[in-house]
């Protein structure tokens, strides 16, 4: 059976703040869900993105803004989007940032696409994406950081194909996803992210705002962003069709 990607009924909310060490917030995010009328009309899924400009690069904020602006074109650009469409988009942004000069503009990205009854993640860097299911909080993304060194970022060059992480698994009603920049994970533990959700009575905006308020209370020094996604209904049967043939988890494209 073949059909177009369906749109799960999922709502997302975000909160963000500028760290005291920065003149401007280098974190950027996008929410393209059912509340976005154009996204709902074309029925190609919902996208949620956090991009964190690398502060050691001169144009980190620009890099994060560029990533989000390219995400804005995803549904219009790809008539029948697939996992490969997302990895192509990230690779193209990497190429464009490299054109500005080595190390001049770089960002990390954690991207969540909900369509076909599947959750798909594309990830580079040290922002993290968690899935909460039946009260269990599981980190889906790798941490491309060793100590103070960032081992993977958009703008690093052709080797990004070897470190880009892609993850995919069936989506279920009640799934909760949290995408947070490293300014959050530096001071808040995963189980505390889950606590914020329960404490705010399952409200995505209040949960995101609560997480950032806690970062402030603990004196977090970096920019911090929290994006919370609640899956309320899933329209497609994931056994009918998926957007990726083969492995459900893989790292790189070798």
C-alpha atoms as a PDB file:
ATOM      1  CA  UNK A   1       0.000   0.000   0.000  1.00  0.00           C
ATOM      2  CA  UNK A   2       1.297   3.446  -0.866  1.00  0.00           C
ATOM      3  CA  UNK A   3       0.097   6.755   0.486  1.00  0.00           C
ATOM      4  CA  UNK A   4       1.340  10.203   1.390  1.00  0.00           C
ATOM      5  CA  UNK A   5       2.900  10.918   4.779  1.00  0.00           C
ATOM      6  CA  UNK A   6       0.240  11.630   7.352  1.00  0.00           C
ATOM      7  CA  UNK A   7       0.281  14.298   9.996  1.00  0.00           C
ATOM      8  CA  UNK A   8       0.258  13.041  13.576  1.00  0.00           C
ATOM      9  CA  UNK A   9      -1.582  15.322  15.931  1.00  0.00           C
ATOM     10  CA  UNK A  10       1.409  16.553  17.912  1.00  0.00           C
ATOM     11  CA  UNK A  11       1.900  19.902  19.570  1.00  0.00           C
ATOM     12  CA  UNK A  12       5.206  21.536  20.393  1.00  0.00           C
ATOM     13  CA  UNK A  13       6.275  24.487  22.522  1.00  0.00           C
ATOM     14  CA  UNK A  14       9.643  26.025  23.299  1.00  0.00           C
ATOM     15  CA  UNK A  15      11.394  28.424  25.621  1.00  0.00           C
ATOM     16  CA  UNK A  16      14.862  29.925  25.244  1.00  0.00           C
ATOM     17  CA  UNK A  17      17.167  32.368  27.020  1.00  0.00           C
ATOM     18  CA  UNK A  18      20.483  34.109  26.437  1.00  0.00           C
ATOM     19  CA  UNK A  19      23.315  32.993  28.688  1.00  0.00           C
ATOM     20  CA  UNK A  20      25.040  35.668  30.783  1.00  0.00           C
ATOM     21  CA  UNK A  21      28.296  35.083  28.893  1.00  0.00           C
ATOM     22  CA  UNK A  22      26.733  35.947  25.523  1.00  0.00           C
ATOM     23  CA  UNK A  23      25.666  39.229  23.968  1.00  0.00           C
ATOM     24  CA  UNK A  24      22.968  37.432  21.944  1.00  0.00           C
ATOM     25  CA  UNK A  25      21.233  34.070  21.988  1.00  0.00           C
ATOM     26  CA  UNK A  26      22.960  31.721  19.545  1.00  0.00           C
ATOM     27  CA  UNK A  27      20.279  29.035  20.002  1.00  0.00           C
ATOM     28  CA  UNK A  28      17.512  28.910  17.407  1.00  0.00           C
ATOM     29  CA  UNK A  29      14.489  26.631  17.066  1.00  0.00           C
ATOM     30  CA  UNK A  30      11.616  25.848  14.742  1.00  0.00           C
ATOM     31  CA  UNK A  31       8.181  24.343  15.379  1.00  0.00           C
ATOM     32  CA  UNK A  32       6.301  23.310  12.243  1.00  0.00           C
ATOM     33  CA  UNK A  33       3.343  21.358  13.601  1.00  0.00           C
ATOM     34  CA  UNK A  34      -0.418  21.071  13.234  1.00  0.00           C
ATOM     35  CA  UNK A  35      -0.853  24.573  14.664  1.00  0.00           C
ATOM     36  CA  UNK A  36       0.949  25.911  11.569  1.00  0.00           C
ATOM     37  CA  UNK A  37      -1.897  26.064   9.034  1.00  0.00           C
ATOM     38  CA  UNK A  38       0.295  25.671   5.954  1.00  0.00           C
ATOM     39  CA  UNK A  39       2.019  22.632   7.438  1.00  0.00           C
ATOM     40  CA  UNK A  40      -1.285  21.037   8.375  1.00  0.00           C
ATOM     41  CA  UNK A  41      -2.688  21.613   4.883  1.00  0.00           C
ATOM     42  CA  UNK A  42       0.104  19.897   2.940  1.00  0.00           C
ATOM     43  CA  UNK A  43       0.151  16.832   5.205  1.00  0.00           C
ATOM     44  CA  UNK A  44       3.814  15.888   5.058  1.00  0.00           C
ATOM     45  CA  UNK A  45       4.399  15.581   8.763  1.00  0.00           C
ATOM     46  CA  UNK A  46       5.601  17.879  11.525  1.00  0.00           C
ATOM     47  CA  UNK A  47       9.131  19.159  12.152  1.00  0.00           C
ATOM     48  CA  UNK A  48      10.785  20.294  15.382  1.00  0.00           C
ATOM     49  CA  UNK A  49      14.352  21.633  15.405  1.00  0.00           C
ATOM     50  CA  UNK A  50      16.892  23.047  17.831  1.00  0.00           C
ATOM     51  CA  UNK A  51      20.089  24.500  16.325  1.00  0.00           C
ATOM     52  CA  UNK A  52      22.836  25.846  18.571  1.00  0.00           C
ATOM     53  CA  UNK A  53      25.418  28.207  17.106  1.00  0.00           C
ATOM     54  CA  UNK A  54      28.965  27.201  18.064  1.00  0.00           C
ATOM     55  CA  UNK A  55      30.153  30.076  20.242  1.00  0.00           C
ATOM     56  CA  UNK A  56      33.813  29.628  19.323  1.00  0.00           C
ATOM     57  CA  UNK A  57      32.987  30.383  15.695  1.00  0.00           C
ATOM     58  CA  UNK A  58      32.615  34.026  14.680  1.00  0.00           C
ATOM     59  CA  UNK A  59      29.178  33.545  13.137  1.00  0.00           C
ATOM     60  CA  UNK A  60      27.570  30.900  15.297  1.00  0.00           C
ATOM     61  CA  UNK A  61      24.193  32.611  15.498  1.00  0.00           C
ATOM     62  CA  UNK A  62      24.152  33.045  11.722  1.00  0.00           C
ATOM     63  CA  UNK A  63      24.807  29.319  11.280  1.00  0.00           C
ATOM     64  CA  UNK A  64      21.899  28.381  13.557  1.00  0.00           C
ATOM     65  CA  UNK A  65      19.613  30.860  11.797  1.00  0.00           C
ATOM     66  CA  UNK A  66      20.627  29.461   8.403  1.00  0.00           C
ATOM     67  CA  UNK A  67      19.830  25.925   9.513  1.00  0.00           C
ATOM     68  CA  UNK A  68      16.377  26.942  10.698  1.00  0.00           C
ATOM     69  CA  UNK A  69      15.669  28.956   7.547  1.00  0.00           C
ATOM     70  CA  UNK A  70      16.472  25.890   5.418  1.00  0.00           C
ATOM     71  CA  UNK A  71      14.183  23.773   7.588  1.00  0.00           C
ATOM     72  CA  UNK A  72      11.421  26.277   6.827  1.00  0.00           C
ATOM     73  CA  UNK A  73      11.627  25.254   3.149  1.00  0.00           C
ATOM     74  CA  UNK A  74      11.614  21.492   3.744  1.00  0.00           C
ATOM     75  CA  UNK A  75       7.947  20.768   3.057  1.00  0.00           C
ATOM     76  CA  UNK A  76       7.793  23.030   0.018  1.00  0.00           C
ATOM     77  CA  UNK A  77      11.009  21.752  -1.476  1.00  0.00           C
ATOM     78  CA  UNK A  78      10.505  17.995  -1.219  1.00  0.00           C
ATOM     79  CA  UNK A  79       7.317  16.696  -2.836  1.00  0.00           C
ATOM     80  CA  UNK A  80       7.659  13.291  -1.159  1.00  0.00           C
ATOM     81  CA  UNK A  81      10.100  13.822   1.725  1.00  0.00           C
ATOM     82  CA  UNK A  82      12.149  10.918   3.059  1.00  0.00           C
ATOM     83  CA  UNK A  83      14.894  10.470   5.618  1.00  0.00           C
ATOM     84  CA  UNK A  84      17.407  11.120   2.842  1.00  0.00           C
ATOM     85  CA  UNK A  85      15.752  14.505   2.258  1.00  0.00           C
ATOM     86  CA  UNK A  86      16.637  15.546   5.800  1.00  0.00           C
ATOM     87  CA  UNK A  87      20.230  14.350   5.607  1.00  0.00           C
ATOM     88  CA  UNK A  88      20.580  16.124   2.262  1.00  0.00           C
ATOM     89  CA  UNK A  89      19.319  19.364   3.795  1.00  0.00           C
ATOM     90  CA  UNK A  90      21.796  19.179   6.682  1.00  0.00           C
ATOM     91  CA  UNK A  91      24.668  18.347   4.309  1.00  0.00           C
ATOM     92  CA  UNK A  92      23.781  21.305   2.096  1.00  0.00           C
ATOM     93  CA  UNK A  93      23.836  23.677   5.053  1.00  0.00           C
ATOM     94  CA  UNK A  94      27.213  22.203   6.030  1.00  0.00           C
ATOM     95  CA  UNK A  95      28.518  22.943   2.518  1.00  0.00           C
ATOM     96  CA  UNK A  96      27.165  26.505   2.611  1.00  0.00           C
ATOM     97  CA  UNK A  97      28.721  27.213   5.997  1.00  0.00           C
ATOM     98  CA  UNK A  98      32.084  25.867   4.838  1.00  0.00           C
ATOM     99  CA  UNK A  99      31.927  28.391   2.014  1.00  0.00           C
ATOM    100  CA  UNK A 100      32.233  31.143   4.620  1.00  0.00           C
ATOM    101  CA  UNK A 101      35.646  29.853   5.661  1.00  0.00           C
ATOM    102  CA  UNK A 102      36.802  27.105   8.014  1.00  0.00           C
ATOM    103  CA  UNK A 103      35.486  27.636  11.517  1.00  0.00           C
ATOM    104  CA  UNK A 104      33.830  30.966  10.762  1.00  0.00           C
ATOM    105  CA  UNK A 105      30.255  29.664  11.045  1.00  0.00           C
ATOM    106  CA  UNK A 106      29.116  26.427  12.665  1.00  0.00           C
ATOM    107  CA  UNK A 107      26.166  25.041  14.589  1.00  0.00           C
ATOM    108  CA  UNK A 108      24.781  21.850  16.038  1.00  0.00           C
ATOM    109  CA  UNK A 109      21.361  20.499  15.120  1.00  0.00           C
ATOM    110  CA  UNK A 110      18.807  18.092  16.561  1.00  0.00           C
ATOM    111  CA  UNK A 111      15.843  17.585  14.262  1.00  0.00           C
ATOM    112  CA  UNK A 112      12.666  15.562  14.864  1.00  0.00           C
ATOM    113  CA  UNK A 113      10.300  14.682  11.993  1.00  0.00           C
ATOM    114  CA  UNK A 114       6.963  13.017  12.724  1.00  0.00           C
ATOM    115  CA  UNK A 115       5.309  11.415   9.675  1.00  0.00           C
ATOM    116  CA  UNK A 116       4.152   7.993   8.364  1.00  0.00           C
ATOM    117  CA  UNK A 117       3.492   6.997  11.950  1.00  0.00           C
ATOM    118  CA  UNK A 118       7.243   7.210  12.544  1.00  0.00           C
ATOM    119  CA  UNK A 119       9.556   9.403  14.586  1.00  0.00           C
ATOM    120  CA  UNK A 120      12.760  10.295  12.722  1.00  0.00           C
ATOM    121  CA  UNK A 121      15.740  12.063  14.258  1.00  0.00           C
ATOM    122  CA  UNK A 122      18.703  13.651  12.482  1.00  0.00           C
ATOM    123  CA  UNK A 123      21.413  14.855  14.838  1.00  0.00           C
ATOM    124  CA  UNK A 124      24.864  16.459  14.795  1.00  0.00           C
ATOM    125  CA  UNK A 125      26.537  17.910  17.873  1.00  0.00           C
ATOM    126  CA  UNK A 126      25.807  18.159  21.587  1.00  0.00           C
ATOM    127  CA  UNK A 127      22.200  19.276  21.809  1.00  0.00           C
ATOM    128  CA  UNK A 128      20.195  16.286  22.964  1.00  0.00           C
ATOM    129  CA  UNK A 129      16.832  14.719  22.150  1.00  0.00           C
ATOM    130  CA  UNK A 130      14.976  12.545  24.638  1.00  0.00           C
ATOM    131  CA  UNK A 131      11.895  10.385  24.229  1.00  0.00           C
ATOM    132  CA  UNK A 132       9.635   9.700  27.178  1.00  0.00           C
ATOM    133  CA  UNK A 133       7.388   6.661  26.855  1.00  0.00           C
ATOM    134  CA  UNK A 134       5.459   5.055  29.731  1.00  0.00           C
ATOM    135  CA  UNK A 135       7.437   7.156  32.185  1.00  0.00           C
ATOM    136  CA  UNK A 136      10.821   6.025  30.855  1.00  0.00           C
ATOM    137  CA  UNK A 137      13.159   8.783  29.669  1.00  0.00           C
ATOM    138  CA  UNK A 138      15.551   7.622  26.940  1.00  0.00           C
ATOM    139  CA  UNK A 139      18.190   9.725  25.216  1.00  0.00           C
ATOM    140  CA  UNK A 140      18.041   9.102  21.473  1.00  0.00           C
ATOM    141  CA  UNK A 141      21.019  11.184  20.387  1.00  0.00           C
ATOM    142  CA  UNK A 142      24.755  10.784  20.748  1.00  0.00           C
ATOM    143  CA  UNK A 143      26.826  13.398  22.514  1.00  0.00           C
ATOM    144  CA  UNK A 144      29.415  14.512  19.977  1.00  0.00           C
ATOM    145  CA  UNK A 145      31.519  16.154  22.657  1.00  0.00           C
ATOM    146  CA  UNK A 146      34.595  14.985  24.479  1.00  0.00           C
ATOM    147  CA  UNK A 147      35.359  17.232  27.435  1.00  0.00           C
ATOM    148  CA  UNK A 148      35.351  20.792  26.105  1.00  0.00           C
ATOM    149  CA  UNK A 149      35.920  19.704  22.507  1.00  0.00           C
ATOM    150  CA  UNK A 150      32.986  19.475  20.094  1.00  0.00           C
ATOM    151  CA  UNK A 151      33.641  16.511  17.824  1.00  0.00           C
ATOM    152  CA  UNK A 152      30.862  17.072  15.281  1.00  0.00           C
ATOM    153  CA  UNK A 153      29.051  20.135  13.992  1.00  0.00           C
ATOM    154  CA  UNK A 154      27.384  21.467  10.873  1.00  0.00           C
ATOM    155  CA  UNK A 155      30.116  23.273   8.961  1.00  0.00           C
ATOM    156  CA  UNK A 156      32.872  20.741   9.711  1.00  0.00           C
ATOM    157  CA  UNK A 157      33.228  19.493   6.132  1.00  0.00           C
ATOM    158  CA  UNK A 158      32.704  16.232   4.197  1.00  0.00           C
ATOM    159  CA  UNK A 159      33.350  14.125   7.298  1.00  0.00           C
ATOM    160  CA  UNK A 160      29.926  15.162   8.562  1.00  0.00           C
ATOM    161  CA  UNK A 161      28.572  12.201   6.568  1.00  0.00           C
ATOM    162  CA  UNK A 162      30.483   9.876   8.906  1.00  0.00           C
ATOM    163  CA  UNK A 163      29.185  11.383  12.147  1.00  0.00           C
ATOM    164  CA  UNK A 164      25.627  12.429  11.309  1.00  0.00           C
ATOM    165  CA  UNK A 165      23.275  10.317  13.412  1.00  0.00           C
ATOM    166  CA  UNK A 166      19.925   9.160  12.038  1.00  0.00           C
ATOM    167  CA  UNK A 167      17.428   7.320  14.218  1.00  0.00           C
ATOM    168  CA  UNK A 168      13.933   6.074  13.361  1.00  0.00           C
ATOM    169  CA  UNK A 169      11.269   4.116  15.205  1.00  0.00           C
ATOM    170  CA  UNK A 170       7.464   3.759  15.216  1.00  0.00           C
ATOM    171  CA  UNK A 171       5.563   6.587  16.868  1.00  0.00           C
ATOM    172  CA  UNK A 172       2.911   5.972  19.517  1.00  0.00           C
ATOM    173  CA  UNK A 173       0.205   8.042  21.128  1.00  0.00           C
ATOM    174  CA  UNK A 174       1.499   9.450  24.397  1.00  0.00           C
ATOM    175  CA  UNK A 175       5.112   9.717  23.259  1.00  0.00           C
ATOM    176  CA  UNK A 176       6.804  12.853  24.551  1.00  0.00           C
ATOM    177  CA  UNK A 177       9.962  14.311  23.021  1.00  0.00           C
ATOM    178  CA  UNK A 178      12.265  16.903  24.527  1.00  0.00           C
ATOM    179  CA  UNK A 179      14.962  18.653  22.483  1.00  0.00           C
ATOM    180  CA  UNK A 180      17.382  20.666  24.605  1.00  0.00           C
ATOM    181  CA  UNK A 181      20.581  22.545  23.875  1.00  0.00           C
ATOM    182  CA  UNK A 182      23.725  21.905  25.896  1.00  0.00           C
ATOM    183  CA  UNK A 183      22.970  24.964  28.005  1.00  0.00           C
ATOM    184  CA  UNK A 184      20.188  22.865  29.542  1.00  0.00           C
ATOM    185  CA  UNK A 185      21.985  19.530  29.881  1.00  0.00           C
ATOM    186  CA  UNK A 186      24.955  21.195  31.566  1.00  0.00           C
ATOM    187  CA  UNK A 187      22.830  21.895  34.639  1.00  0.00           C
ATOM    188  CA  UNK A 188      19.717  19.653  34.457  1.00  0.00           C
ATOM    189  CA  UNK A 189      19.567  15.861  34.500  1.00  0.00           C
ATOM    190  CA  UNK A 190      17.229  13.832  32.211  1.00  0.00           C
ATOM    191  CA  UNK A 191      14.957  12.687  35.045  1.00  0.00           C
ATOM    192  CA  UNK A 192      14.486  16.321  36.017  1.00  0.00           C
ATOM    193  CA  UNK A 193      13.261  17.083  32.506  1.00  0.00           C
ATOM    194  CA  UNK A 194      10.571  14.467  33.049  1.00  0.00           C
ATOM    195  CA  UNK A 195       9.731  16.035  36.413  1.00  0.00           C
ATOM    196  CA  UNK A 196       9.142  19.368  34.700  1.00  0.00           C
ATOM    197  CA  UNK A 197       6.570  17.721  32.440  1.00  0.00           C
ATOM    198  CA  UNK A 198       4.645  16.115  35.281  1.00  0.00           C
ATOM    199  CA  UNK A 199       4.881  19.182  37.513  1.00  0.00           C
ATOM    200  CA  UNK A 200       3.321  21.324  34.790  1.00  0.00           C
ATOM    201  CA  UNK A 201       0.388  18.957  34.299  1.00  0.00           C
ATOM    202  CA  UNK A 202       1.415  17.877  30.815  1.00  0.00           C
ATOM    203  CA  UNK A 203       1.380  21.368  29.317  1.00  0.00           C
ATOM    204  CA  UNK A 204       4.131  21.722  26.682  1.00  0.00           C
ATOM    205  CA  UNK A 205       4.595  25.489  27.011  1.00  0.00           C
ATOM    206  CA  UNK A 206       4.663  25.511  30.787  1.00  0.00           C
ATOM    207  CA  UNK A 207       7.055  22.551  30.828  1.00  0.00           C
ATOM    208  CA  UNK A 208       9.477  24.249  28.410  1.00  0.00           C
ATOM    209  CA  UNK A 209       9.286  27.506  30.374  1.00  0.00           C
ATOM    210  CA  UNK A 210       9.821  25.638  33.653  1.00  0.00           C
ATOM    211  CA  UNK A 211      12.976  23.962  32.333  1.00  0.00           C
ATOM    212  CA  UNK A 212      14.491  27.282  31.284  1.00  0.00           C
ATOM    213  CA  UNK A 213      13.484  28.899  34.584  1.00  0.00           C
ATOM    214  CA  UNK A 214      15.349  26.124  36.378  1.00  0.00           C
ATOM    215  CA  UNK A 215      18.432  26.748  34.218  1.00  0.00           C
ATOM    216  CA  UNK A 216      18.297  30.382  35.337  1.00  0.00           C
ATOM    217  CA  UNK A 217      17.829  29.427  38.966  1.00  0.00           C
ATOM    218  CA  UNK A 218      20.896  27.178  38.869  1.00  0.00           C
ATOM    219  CA  UNK A 219      23.037  29.848  37.256  1.00  0.00           C
ATOM    220  CA  UNK A 220      23.517  28.240  33.846  1.00  0.00           C
ATOM    221  CA  UNK A 221      26.130  30.157  31.889  1.00  0.00           C
ATOM    222  CA  UNK A 222      25.318  29.148  28.327  1.00  0.00           C
ATOM    223  CA  UNK A 223      22.378  29.915  26.047  1.00  0.00           C
ATOM    224  CA  UNK A 224      19.610  27.442  26.812  1.00  0.00           C
ATOM    225  CA  UNK A 225      16.654  26.171  24.787  1.00  0.00           C
ATOM    226  CA  UNK A 226      14.006  23.566  25.600  1.00  0.00           C
ATOM    227  CA  UNK A 227      11.479  22.301  23.049  1.00  0.00           C
ATOM    228  CA  UNK A 228       8.742  19.932  24.231  1.00  0.00           C
ATOM    229  CA  UNK A 229       6.639  17.822  21.819  1.00  0.00           C
ATOM    230  CA  UNK A 230       3.536  15.895  22.893  1.00  0.00           C
ATOM    231  CA  UNK A 231       2.101  13.235  20.543  1.00  0.00           C
ATOM    232  CA  UNK A 232      -1.673  13.172  21.016  1.00  0.00           C
ATOM    233  CA  UNK A 233      -2.752  11.044  18.033  1.00  0.00           C
ATOM    234  CA  UNK A 234      -1.115   8.954  15.313  1.00  0.00           C
ATOM    235  CA  UNK A 235      -2.996   8.619  12.060  1.00  0.00           C
ATOM    236  CA  UNK A 236      -0.875   6.138  10.122  1.00  0.00           C
ATOM    237  CA  UNK A 237      -0.201   2.480  10.750  1.00  0.00           C
ATOM    238  CA  UNK A 238       3.624   2.200  10.867  1.00  0.00           C
ATOM    239  CA  UNK A 239       3.414  -1.370   9.537  1.00  0.00           C
ATOM    240  CA  UNK A 240       2.035  -0.095   6.214  1.00  0.00           C
ATOM    241  CA  UNK A 241       4.881   2.112   5.083  1.00  0.00           C
ATOM    242  CA  UNK A 242       7.936   3.849   6.482  1.00  0.00           C
ATOM    243  CA  UNK A 243      10.149   6.622   5.204  1.00  0.00           C
ATOM    244  CA  UNK A 244      13.320   4.576   5.550  1.00  0.00           C
ATOM    245  CA  UNK A 245      13.999   1.076   4.291  1.00  0.00           C
ATOM    246  CA  UNK A 246      16.302  -1.083   6.367  1.00  0.00           C
ATOM    247  CA  UNK A 247      17.868  -0.439   9.733  1.00  0.00           C
ATOM    248  CA  UNK A 248      15.940   1.478  12.365  1.00  0.00           C
ATOM    249  CA  UNK A 249      19.132   2.932  13.816  1.00  0.00           C
ATOM    250  CA  UNK A 250      22.310   3.896  12.043  1.00  0.00           C
ATOM    251  CA  UNK A 251      25.150   6.362  12.430  1.00  0.00           C
ATOM    252  CA  UNK A 252      26.746   7.936   9.391  1.00  0.00           C
ATOM    253  CA  UNK A 253      26.354   7.046   5.733  1.00  0.00           C
ATOM    254  CA  UNK A 254      29.259   4.777   4.931  1.00  0.00           C
END
